[in-house]
């Protein structure tokens, strides 16, 4: 099974995310990750979709997305020609004696402590999916209890300016 990461530039219209996700559900395609947000121009939205399947399914996903009226541009985010990141917030059980060690581990992964209470700590971490996975594995190997976890899903852009789509 392969992964496909697509960056869509779409019109920022009501229901656009529903139409895109509906396309996936009607055809039985799975969405592994979906993130969206308004661009520098509020008329447009950037959506990053991660899907998995065999080559035929991934090709079909791309063709079906191209048919949608609101979709203005589609780019494959491939390794080497794109920058992809994900944001993760992880709440850990943390006593006073745990805090310094957790702070050190977070700093190694370029994470930030964003909240501390008497019995827990929230760490914010941004990076590729491997980095986030390695961080979680290290925490679990060290015996820390993950209380809650939130991940944004992958987002990204292609490198350089040669494929930028300019819209009027």
Foldseek 3Di string as FASTA:
>chain_A
DDKWKKKWKFFPDPCPVVVLVVVCVVVVWDWPAWFKDADPDNRIMIIITMTDDDPVVVVVSVVVVVPDPGTDDMDIADPPFKAKKKKKKWKWFDAPVRVVVVCVLCVVQPWDFDDDDRTITIIIHMDDPVSVVVSVVVCVVVPIGTPDMDMNGMDIDTDDDPPDDDDD
